[in-house]
N, C-alpha and C. Protein backbone atom coordinates (compact mmCIF):
# COMPACT_ATOMS: atom_id res chain seq x y z
N MET A 1 95.33 120.25 115.29
CA MET A 1 96.04 120.27 116.55
C MET A 1 95.23 121.01 117.60
N GLN A 2 94.60 122.10 117.18
CA GLN A 2 93.80 122.90 118.13
C GLN A 2 92.59 122.10 118.63
N ILE A 3 91.95 121.36 117.75
CA ILE A 3 90.79 120.56 118.15
C ILE A 3 91.24 119.50 119.14
N ALA A 4 92.32 118.83 118.86
CA ALA A 4 92.83 117.79 119.77
C ALA A 4 93.20 118.41 121.11
N ASP A 5 93.81 119.58 121.07
CA ASP A 5 94.20 120.27 122.31
C ASP A 5 92.96 120.65 123.12
N LEU A 6 91.99 121.25 122.48
CA LEU A 6 90.78 121.66 123.19
C LEU A 6 90.01 120.45 123.72
N LYS A 7 89.91 119.41 122.92
CA LYS A 7 89.13 118.23 123.28
C LYS A 7 89.79 117.45 124.41
N ALA A 8 91.05 117.11 124.23
CA ALA A 8 91.71 116.21 125.18
C ALA A 8 92.33 116.96 126.35
N ALA A 9 93.14 117.93 126.03
CA ALA A 9 93.88 118.60 127.09
C ALA A 9 93.03 119.55 127.90
N ARG A 10 92.38 120.49 127.26
CA ARG A 10 91.66 121.53 128.00
C ARG A 10 90.38 121.03 128.65
N TYR A 11 89.51 120.43 127.87
CA TYR A 11 88.20 120.04 128.35
C TYR A 11 88.26 118.84 129.31
N SER A 12 88.95 117.80 128.88
CA SER A 12 88.93 116.55 129.64
C SER A 12 89.91 116.51 130.80
N VAL A 13 91.00 117.27 130.71
CA VAL A 13 92.03 117.13 131.73
C VAL A 13 92.33 118.44 132.47
N ILE A 14 92.70 119.47 131.75
CA ILE A 14 93.13 120.71 132.42
C ILE A 14 92.02 121.31 133.27
N GLY A 15 90.82 121.41 132.73
CA GLY A 15 89.72 121.99 133.50
C GLY A 15 89.48 121.27 134.82
N PRO A 16 89.22 119.98 134.81
CA PRO A 16 89.00 119.26 136.06
C PRO A 16 90.21 119.30 137.00
N LEU A 17 91.41 119.19 136.45
CA LEU A 17 92.62 119.20 137.26
C LEU A 17 92.82 120.57 137.91
N THR A 18 92.54 121.62 137.17
CA THR A 18 92.69 122.97 137.71
C THR A 18 91.76 123.19 138.90
N ILE A 19 90.55 122.70 138.79
CA ILE A 19 89.59 122.83 139.89
C ILE A 19 90.12 122.10 141.12
N GLY A 20 90.57 120.87 140.93
CA GLY A 20 91.10 120.10 142.05
C GLY A 20 92.34 120.73 142.66
N ALA A 21 93.25 121.18 141.80
CA ALA A 21 94.49 121.80 142.28
C ALA A 21 94.21 123.10 143.02
N THR A 22 93.25 123.87 142.53
CA THR A 22 92.87 125.12 143.18
C THR A 22 92.31 124.83 144.57
N LEU A 23 91.43 123.85 144.65
CA LEU A 23 90.85 123.47 145.94
C LEU A 23 91.92 122.94 146.90
N ALA A 24 92.98 122.33 146.36
CA ALA A 24 94.05 121.81 147.19
C ALA A 24 95.06 122.89 147.59
N GLY A 25 94.90 124.09 147.04
CA GLY A 25 95.78 125.19 147.42
C GLY A 25 97.12 125.22 146.70
N VAL A 26 97.17 124.70 145.50
CA VAL A 26 98.41 124.69 144.72
C VAL A 26 98.84 126.12 144.39
N LYS A 27 100.15 126.38 144.49
CA LYS A 27 100.70 127.70 144.19
C LYS A 27 100.59 128.00 142.69
N ARG A 28 100.59 129.28 142.37
CA ARG A 28 100.47 129.71 140.96
C ARG A 28 101.55 129.12 140.06
N THR A 29 102.80 129.12 140.54
CA THR A 29 103.90 128.59 139.73
C THR A 29 103.73 127.11 139.49
N GLN A 30 103.27 126.39 140.51
CA GLN A 30 103.02 124.97 140.36
C GLN A 30 101.86 124.75 139.38
N MET A 31 100.83 125.59 139.50
CA MET A 31 99.66 125.46 138.63
C MET A 31 100.06 125.66 137.17
N ALA A 32 100.90 126.64 136.90
CA ALA A 32 101.35 126.89 135.52
C ALA A 32 102.13 125.69 134.99
N ALA A 33 103.01 125.15 135.81
CA ALA A 33 103.79 123.97 135.40
C ALA A 33 102.88 122.76 135.20
N LEU A 34 101.92 122.62 136.09
CA LEU A 34 100.96 121.52 135.99
C LEU A 34 100.13 121.64 134.71
N ASN A 35 99.70 122.85 134.38
CA ASN A 35 98.94 123.07 133.15
C ASN A 35 99.75 122.74 131.90
N ARG A 36 101.04 123.10 131.91
CA ARG A 36 101.90 122.77 130.77
C ARG A 36 102.06 121.26 130.63
N TYR A 37 102.27 120.60 131.78
CA TYR A 37 102.40 119.15 131.79
C TYR A 37 101.13 118.49 131.24
N VAL A 38 100.01 118.90 131.77
CA VAL A 38 98.74 118.28 131.39
C VAL A 38 98.39 118.59 129.93
N ALA A 39 98.71 119.77 129.46
CA ALA A 39 98.43 120.09 128.06
C ALA A 39 99.21 119.16 127.13
N ALA A 40 100.49 118.92 127.45
CA ALA A 40 101.29 118.03 126.63
C ALA A 40 100.81 116.59 126.74
N VAL A 41 100.53 116.13 127.96
CA VAL A 41 100.08 114.75 128.16
C VAL A 41 98.69 114.55 127.54
N GLY A 42 97.82 115.54 127.70
CA GLY A 42 96.48 115.44 127.12
C GLY A 42 96.50 115.35 125.61
N LEU A 43 97.35 116.14 124.99
CA LEU A 43 97.47 116.09 123.53
C LEU A 43 98.07 114.75 123.07
N ALA A 44 99.06 114.29 123.82
CA ALA A 44 99.64 112.96 123.51
C ALA A 44 98.59 111.86 123.65
N PHE A 45 97.75 111.99 124.68
CA PHE A 45 96.67 111.02 124.89
C PHE A 45 95.74 111.01 123.68
N GLN A 46 95.39 112.19 123.18
CA GLN A 46 94.47 112.27 122.03
C GLN A 46 95.11 111.69 120.78
N LEU A 47 96.40 111.97 120.56
CA LEU A 47 97.08 111.41 119.40
C LEU A 47 97.14 109.88 119.51
N ALA A 48 97.42 109.38 120.70
CA ALA A 48 97.45 107.92 120.90
C ALA A 48 96.06 107.34 120.65
N ASP A 49 95.03 108.05 121.07
CA ASP A 49 93.65 107.61 120.83
C ASP A 49 93.34 107.57 119.34
N ASP A 50 93.81 108.57 118.62
CA ASP A 50 93.62 108.60 117.16
C ASP A 50 94.27 107.40 116.50
N ILE A 51 95.47 107.07 116.94
CA ILE A 51 96.20 105.93 116.38
C ILE A 51 95.47 104.64 116.71
N LEU A 52 95.04 104.50 117.97
CA LEU A 52 94.31 103.29 118.36
C LEU A 52 93.00 103.15 117.61
N GLY A 53 92.38 104.27 117.28
CA GLY A 53 91.12 104.24 116.55
C GLY A 53 91.24 103.59 115.18
N VAL A 54 92.45 103.56 114.66
CA VAL A 54 92.68 102.92 113.35
C VAL A 54 93.47 101.63 113.48
N PHE A 55 94.48 101.63 114.34
CA PHE A 55 95.40 100.49 114.43
C PHE A 55 95.19 99.60 115.65
N GLY A 56 94.28 99.97 116.54
CA GLY A 56 94.05 99.19 117.76
C GLY A 56 93.34 97.88 117.50
N GLU A 57 93.34 97.06 118.51
CA GLU A 57 92.64 95.78 118.46
C GLU A 57 91.22 95.96 119.02
N GLU A 58 90.23 95.58 118.24
CA GLU A 58 88.84 95.77 118.63
C GLU A 58 88.53 95.16 119.99
N LYS A 59 89.07 93.97 120.25
CA LYS A 59 88.80 93.30 121.53
C LYS A 59 89.30 94.12 122.70
N GLU A 60 90.44 94.78 122.55
CA GLU A 60 91.00 95.60 123.61
C GLU A 60 90.28 96.95 123.72
N LEU A 61 89.93 97.52 122.55
CA LEU A 61 89.29 98.84 122.54
C LEU A 61 87.84 98.79 123.01
N GLY A 62 87.17 97.70 122.73
CA GLY A 62 85.75 97.61 123.07
C GLY A 62 84.86 98.34 122.07
N LYS A 63 85.43 98.69 120.92
CA LYS A 63 84.65 99.31 119.84
C LYS A 63 85.28 98.93 118.51
N SER A 64 84.51 99.09 117.48
CA SER A 64 84.98 98.76 116.14
C SER A 64 86.02 99.77 115.68
N THR A 65 87.09 99.26 115.07
CA THR A 65 88.08 100.16 114.47
C THR A 65 87.57 100.77 113.18
N LEU A 66 86.42 100.31 112.72
CA LEU A 66 85.80 100.90 111.54
C LEU A 66 85.00 102.17 111.88
N SER A 67 84.68 102.36 113.17
CA SER A 67 83.75 103.45 113.53
C SER A 67 84.28 104.85 113.23
N ASP A 68 85.55 105.14 113.59
CA ASP A 68 86.10 106.47 113.30
C ASP A 68 86.16 106.73 111.80
N MET A 69 86.51 105.66 111.05
CA MET A 69 86.62 105.81 109.59
C MET A 69 85.25 106.03 108.98
N ARG A 70 84.28 105.25 109.40
CA ARG A 70 82.93 105.41 108.84
C ARG A 70 82.33 106.77 109.20
N GLU A 71 82.63 107.26 110.39
CA GLU A 71 82.12 108.58 110.81
C GLU A 71 82.85 109.71 110.07
N GLY A 72 84.02 109.40 109.56
CA GLY A 72 84.83 110.44 108.92
C GLY A 72 85.44 111.37 109.97
N LYS A 73 85.72 110.82 111.13
CA LYS A 73 86.28 111.60 112.24
C LYS A 73 87.57 112.27 111.81
N ASN A 74 87.61 113.58 111.89
CA ASN A 74 88.75 114.33 111.43
C ASN A 74 89.81 114.43 112.54
N THR A 75 90.54 113.35 112.69
CA THR A 75 91.59 113.31 113.70
C THR A 75 92.88 113.93 113.16
N LEU A 76 93.80 114.20 114.06
CA LEU A 76 95.09 114.74 113.65
C LEU A 76 95.83 113.73 112.77
N LEU A 77 95.70 112.45 113.07
CA LEU A 77 96.33 111.42 112.27
C LEU A 77 95.82 111.46 110.83
N ILE A 78 94.53 111.60 110.66
CA ILE A 78 93.95 111.64 109.31
C ILE A 78 94.30 112.98 108.63
N TYR A 79 94.25 114.06 109.36
CA TYR A 79 94.62 115.37 108.80
C TYR A 79 96.05 115.29 108.27
N LYS A 80 96.96 114.72 109.06
CA LYS A 80 98.36 114.61 108.64
C LYS A 80 98.50 113.68 107.45
N THR A 81 97.72 112.60 107.43
CA THR A 81 97.75 111.67 106.31
C THR A 81 97.33 112.39 105.03
N LYS A 82 96.24 113.14 105.09
CA LYS A 82 95.76 113.87 103.91
C LYS A 82 96.79 114.90 103.47
N GLN A 83 97.51 115.46 104.41
CA GLN A 83 98.52 116.45 104.10
C GLN A 83 99.74 115.82 103.41
N LEU A 84 100.10 114.61 103.85
CA LEU A 84 101.33 113.97 103.36
C LEU A 84 101.13 113.03 102.17
N ALA A 85 99.94 112.44 102.06
CA ALA A 85 99.68 111.48 101.00
C ALA A 85 99.70 112.18 99.64
N LYS A 86 100.14 111.44 98.64
CA LYS A 86 100.25 111.99 97.28
C LYS A 86 99.44 111.14 96.31
N GLY A 87 99.06 111.76 95.20
CA GLY A 87 98.45 111.06 94.06
C GLY A 87 97.26 110.19 94.42
N LYS A 88 97.32 108.93 93.97
CA LYS A 88 96.23 107.99 94.16
C LYS A 88 95.94 107.76 95.65
N ASP A 89 96.99 107.69 96.46
CA ASP A 89 96.78 107.48 97.90
C ASP A 89 95.95 108.63 98.51
N ARG A 90 96.25 109.83 98.10
CA ARG A 90 95.50 110.98 98.62
C ARG A 90 94.04 110.91 98.17
N ARG A 91 93.81 110.59 96.92
CA ARG A 91 92.45 110.46 96.43
C ARG A 91 91.71 109.33 97.15
N ASP A 92 92.41 108.22 97.37
CA ASP A 92 91.79 107.07 98.03
C ASP A 92 91.42 107.38 99.47
N ILE A 93 92.30 108.04 100.20
CA ILE A 93 91.99 108.37 101.61
C ILE A 93 90.80 109.32 101.67
N GLU A 94 90.73 110.25 100.76
CA GLU A 94 89.60 111.19 100.70
C GLU A 94 88.29 110.44 100.40
N LYS A 95 88.38 109.42 99.55
CA LYS A 95 87.21 108.66 99.15
C LYS A 95 86.75 107.68 100.25
N ILE A 96 87.69 107.05 100.90
CA ILE A 96 87.37 106.01 101.91
C ILE A 96 86.98 106.62 103.25
N TRP A 97 87.72 107.61 103.70
CA TRP A 97 87.49 108.17 105.04
C TRP A 97 86.13 108.89 105.05
N GLY A 98 85.23 108.42 105.87
CA GLY A 98 83.89 108.99 105.96
C GLY A 98 82.86 108.20 105.16
N LYS A 99 83.29 107.13 104.54
CA LYS A 99 82.40 106.25 103.78
C LYS A 99 81.61 105.38 104.76
N GLU A 100 80.31 105.58 104.83
CA GLU A 100 79.47 104.91 105.83
C GLU A 100 79.49 103.39 105.73
N ASP A 101 79.69 102.85 104.53
CA ASP A 101 79.69 101.40 104.38
C ASP A 101 81.11 100.85 104.16
N ALA A 102 82.11 101.55 104.75
CA ALA A 102 83.51 101.12 104.63
C ALA A 102 83.66 99.72 105.21
N THR A 103 84.55 98.96 104.59
CA THR A 103 84.79 97.57 104.98
C THR A 103 86.14 97.40 105.66
N VAL A 104 86.39 96.20 106.12
CA VAL A 104 87.70 95.87 106.70
C VAL A 104 88.79 96.06 105.64
N ALA A 105 88.50 95.72 104.41
CA ALA A 105 89.48 95.92 103.32
C ALA A 105 89.79 97.41 103.16
N ASP A 106 88.77 98.25 103.29
CA ASP A 106 88.99 99.71 103.22
C ASP A 106 89.91 100.16 104.38
N LEU A 107 89.64 99.62 105.56
CA LEU A 107 90.46 99.96 106.71
C LEU A 107 91.92 99.55 106.50
N GLU A 108 92.14 98.38 105.93
CA GLU A 108 93.50 97.95 105.65
C GLU A 108 94.18 98.89 104.65
N GLU A 109 93.43 99.38 103.67
CA GLU A 109 93.99 100.35 102.71
C GLU A 109 94.31 101.66 103.41
N VAL A 110 93.44 102.11 104.28
CA VAL A 110 93.68 103.34 105.05
C VAL A 110 94.95 103.18 105.89
N LYS A 111 95.08 102.04 106.56
CA LYS A 111 96.28 101.79 107.37
C LYS A 111 97.54 101.89 106.52
N ARG A 112 97.50 101.28 105.34
CA ARG A 112 98.66 101.30 104.44
C ARG A 112 99.01 102.74 104.07
N ILE A 113 97.99 103.50 103.71
CA ILE A 113 98.22 104.90 103.29
C ILE A 113 98.78 105.71 104.45
N ILE A 114 98.24 105.53 105.64
CA ILE A 114 98.72 106.25 106.82
C ILE A 114 100.19 105.94 107.06
N GLU A 115 100.54 104.68 107.00
CA GLU A 115 101.93 104.29 107.24
C GLU A 115 102.86 104.78 106.14
N GLU A 116 102.47 104.53 104.88
CA GLU A 116 103.36 104.89 103.77
C GLU A 116 103.50 106.40 103.58
N SER A 117 102.49 107.15 103.98
CA SER A 117 102.58 108.61 103.87
C SER A 117 103.54 109.22 104.88
N GLY A 118 103.80 108.48 105.95
CA GLY A 118 104.64 108.99 107.02
C GLY A 118 103.84 109.60 108.17
N ALA A 119 102.53 109.62 108.04
CA ALA A 119 101.69 110.24 109.07
C ALA A 119 101.75 109.49 110.40
N LEU A 120 101.79 108.17 110.35
CA LEU A 120 101.87 107.39 111.58
C LEU A 120 103.18 107.67 112.29
N ALA A 121 104.27 107.66 111.55
CA ALA A 121 105.59 107.95 112.13
C ALA A 121 105.62 109.36 112.70
N TRP A 122 105.00 110.32 111.99
CA TRP A 122 104.95 111.70 112.48
C TRP A 122 104.20 111.77 113.81
N CYS A 123 103.05 111.11 113.90
CA CYS A 123 102.25 111.14 115.14
C CYS A 123 103.01 110.49 116.29
N LYS A 124 103.67 109.40 116.03
CA LYS A 124 104.45 108.73 117.09
C LYS A 124 105.60 109.61 117.56
N ALA A 125 106.28 110.26 116.62
CA ALA A 125 107.38 111.15 116.98
C ALA A 125 106.83 112.36 117.76
N GLU A 126 105.70 112.88 117.33
CA GLU A 126 105.07 114.00 118.04
C GLU A 126 104.72 113.59 119.47
N ASN A 127 104.22 112.38 119.62
CA ASN A 127 103.89 111.88 120.96
C ASN A 127 105.13 111.81 121.84
N ARG A 128 106.22 111.26 121.32
CA ARG A 128 107.46 111.19 122.11
C ARG A 128 107.92 112.60 122.50
N SER A 129 107.82 113.54 121.58
CA SER A 129 108.22 114.91 121.86
C SER A 129 107.35 115.54 122.94
N LEU A 130 106.04 115.33 122.85
CA LEU A 130 105.12 115.87 123.86
C LEU A 130 105.42 115.29 125.24
N ILE A 131 105.69 113.99 125.30
CA ILE A 131 105.96 113.35 126.59
C ILE A 131 107.29 113.82 127.17
N GLU A 132 108.29 113.98 126.32
CA GLU A 132 109.58 114.53 126.79
C GLU A 132 109.38 115.93 127.37
N LYS A 133 108.60 116.74 126.67
CA LYS A 133 108.31 118.10 127.11
C LYS A 133 107.59 118.07 128.47
N ALA A 134 106.62 117.20 128.60
CA ALA A 134 105.86 117.08 129.85
C ALA A 134 106.77 116.68 130.98
N LYS A 135 107.64 115.69 130.74
CA LYS A 135 108.52 115.19 131.79
C LYS A 135 109.53 116.21 132.27
N LYS A 136 109.99 117.08 131.34
CA LYS A 136 110.97 118.10 131.72
C LYS A 136 110.43 119.07 132.75
N GLY A 137 109.13 119.25 132.78
CA GLY A 137 108.54 120.21 133.72
C GLY A 137 108.06 119.62 135.04
N ILE A 138 108.21 118.32 135.21
CA ILE A 138 107.69 117.67 136.43
C ILE A 138 108.30 118.25 137.70
N GLY A 139 109.60 118.55 137.66
CA GLY A 139 110.27 119.11 138.83
C GLY A 139 109.71 120.44 139.28
N LYS A 140 109.05 121.16 138.38
CA LYS A 140 108.43 122.44 138.74
C LYS A 140 107.05 122.27 139.34
N ILE A 141 106.50 121.06 139.19
CA ILE A 141 105.17 120.76 139.77
C ILE A 141 105.33 120.36 141.22
N THR A 142 106.30 119.48 141.46
CA THR A 142 106.51 118.98 142.83
C THR A 142 107.97 118.57 143.02
N SER A 143 108.43 118.70 144.25
CA SER A 143 109.78 118.23 144.58
C SER A 143 109.74 116.84 145.20
N ASP A 144 108.56 116.34 145.45
CA ASP A 144 108.37 115.01 146.02
C ASP A 144 108.72 113.97 144.96
N GLU A 145 109.80 113.19 145.23
CA GLU A 145 110.28 112.23 144.24
C GLU A 145 109.27 111.14 143.91
N SER A 146 108.50 110.70 144.89
CA SER A 146 107.51 109.66 144.61
C SER A 146 106.40 110.20 143.70
N LEU A 147 106.03 111.47 143.85
CA LEU A 147 105.04 112.08 142.97
C LEU A 147 105.63 112.32 141.58
N GLN A 148 106.89 112.67 141.52
CA GLN A 148 107.55 112.85 140.23
C GLN A 148 107.55 111.54 139.43
N ILE A 149 107.77 110.45 140.12
CA ILE A 149 107.75 109.13 139.46
C ILE A 149 106.35 108.85 138.91
N ILE A 150 105.34 109.16 139.71
CA ILE A 150 103.95 108.95 139.26
C ILE A 150 103.63 109.80 138.04
N PHE A 151 104.03 111.06 138.05
CA PHE A 151 103.81 111.93 136.89
C PHE A 151 104.52 111.38 135.67
N SER A 152 105.74 110.90 135.83
CA SER A 152 106.51 110.35 134.73
C SER A 152 105.88 109.07 134.20
N GLN A 153 105.43 108.20 135.10
CA GLN A 153 104.78 106.96 134.67
C GLN A 153 103.48 107.24 133.94
N LEU A 154 102.74 108.21 134.42
CA LEU A 154 101.49 108.58 133.75
C LEU A 154 101.76 109.03 132.32
N ALA A 155 102.77 109.85 132.15
CA ALA A 155 103.13 110.33 130.82
C ALA A 155 103.50 109.17 129.90
N ASP A 156 104.29 108.23 130.43
CA ASP A 156 104.69 107.08 129.62
C ASP A 156 103.49 106.20 129.28
N PHE A 157 102.59 106.04 130.22
CA PHE A 157 101.41 105.18 130.00
C PHE A 157 100.56 105.71 128.86
N VAL A 158 100.42 107.02 128.80
CA VAL A 158 99.53 107.65 127.81
C VAL A 158 99.87 107.23 126.39
N ILE A 159 101.14 107.10 126.06
CA ILE A 159 101.51 106.77 124.69
C ILE A 159 101.80 105.28 124.49
N SER A 160 101.76 104.52 125.58
CA SER A 160 102.02 103.07 125.43
C SER A 160 100.76 102.24 125.64
N ARG A 161 99.65 102.90 125.97
CA ARG A 161 98.42 102.17 126.26
C ARG A 161 97.90 101.45 125.02
N ARG A 162 97.13 100.41 125.25
CA ARG A 162 96.61 99.59 124.17
C ARG A 162 95.10 99.76 124.00
N LYS A 163 94.47 100.49 124.95
CA LYS A 163 93.02 100.73 124.83
C LYS A 163 92.67 102.05 125.45
């Protein structure tokens, strides 16, 4: 969770946004609310990216869905799968994930293990929770209703995107 937070929320979103908001003269209370919003949305973005890395469509992603698996990318989705999987499934995920010559059949097995372990459902539920948390704080960022709608739509987009 910390890696995903640092990678997606802090580095890619909060840092650049903080610079822009500071230059725009945003008040401290707004900045704190904005940082909480962005931290939740950034983490949800990373979780969605982890899911797409395994379950996405290659044509939409523009990259192979085998790449994260072959690299052995330690995503939160895979961490949770390893935590929840039992017996043979746990041994198989450990053996397949990070295998440089992994095949499409291996990917299908990984998908099955992720789903049956409950890790996919956990990640999706975590995403919904993060987005709800982000949306609850929008009113503290701005009172402008049109901006509130944009913030809300951005949050929804993050977990519904296909690429």
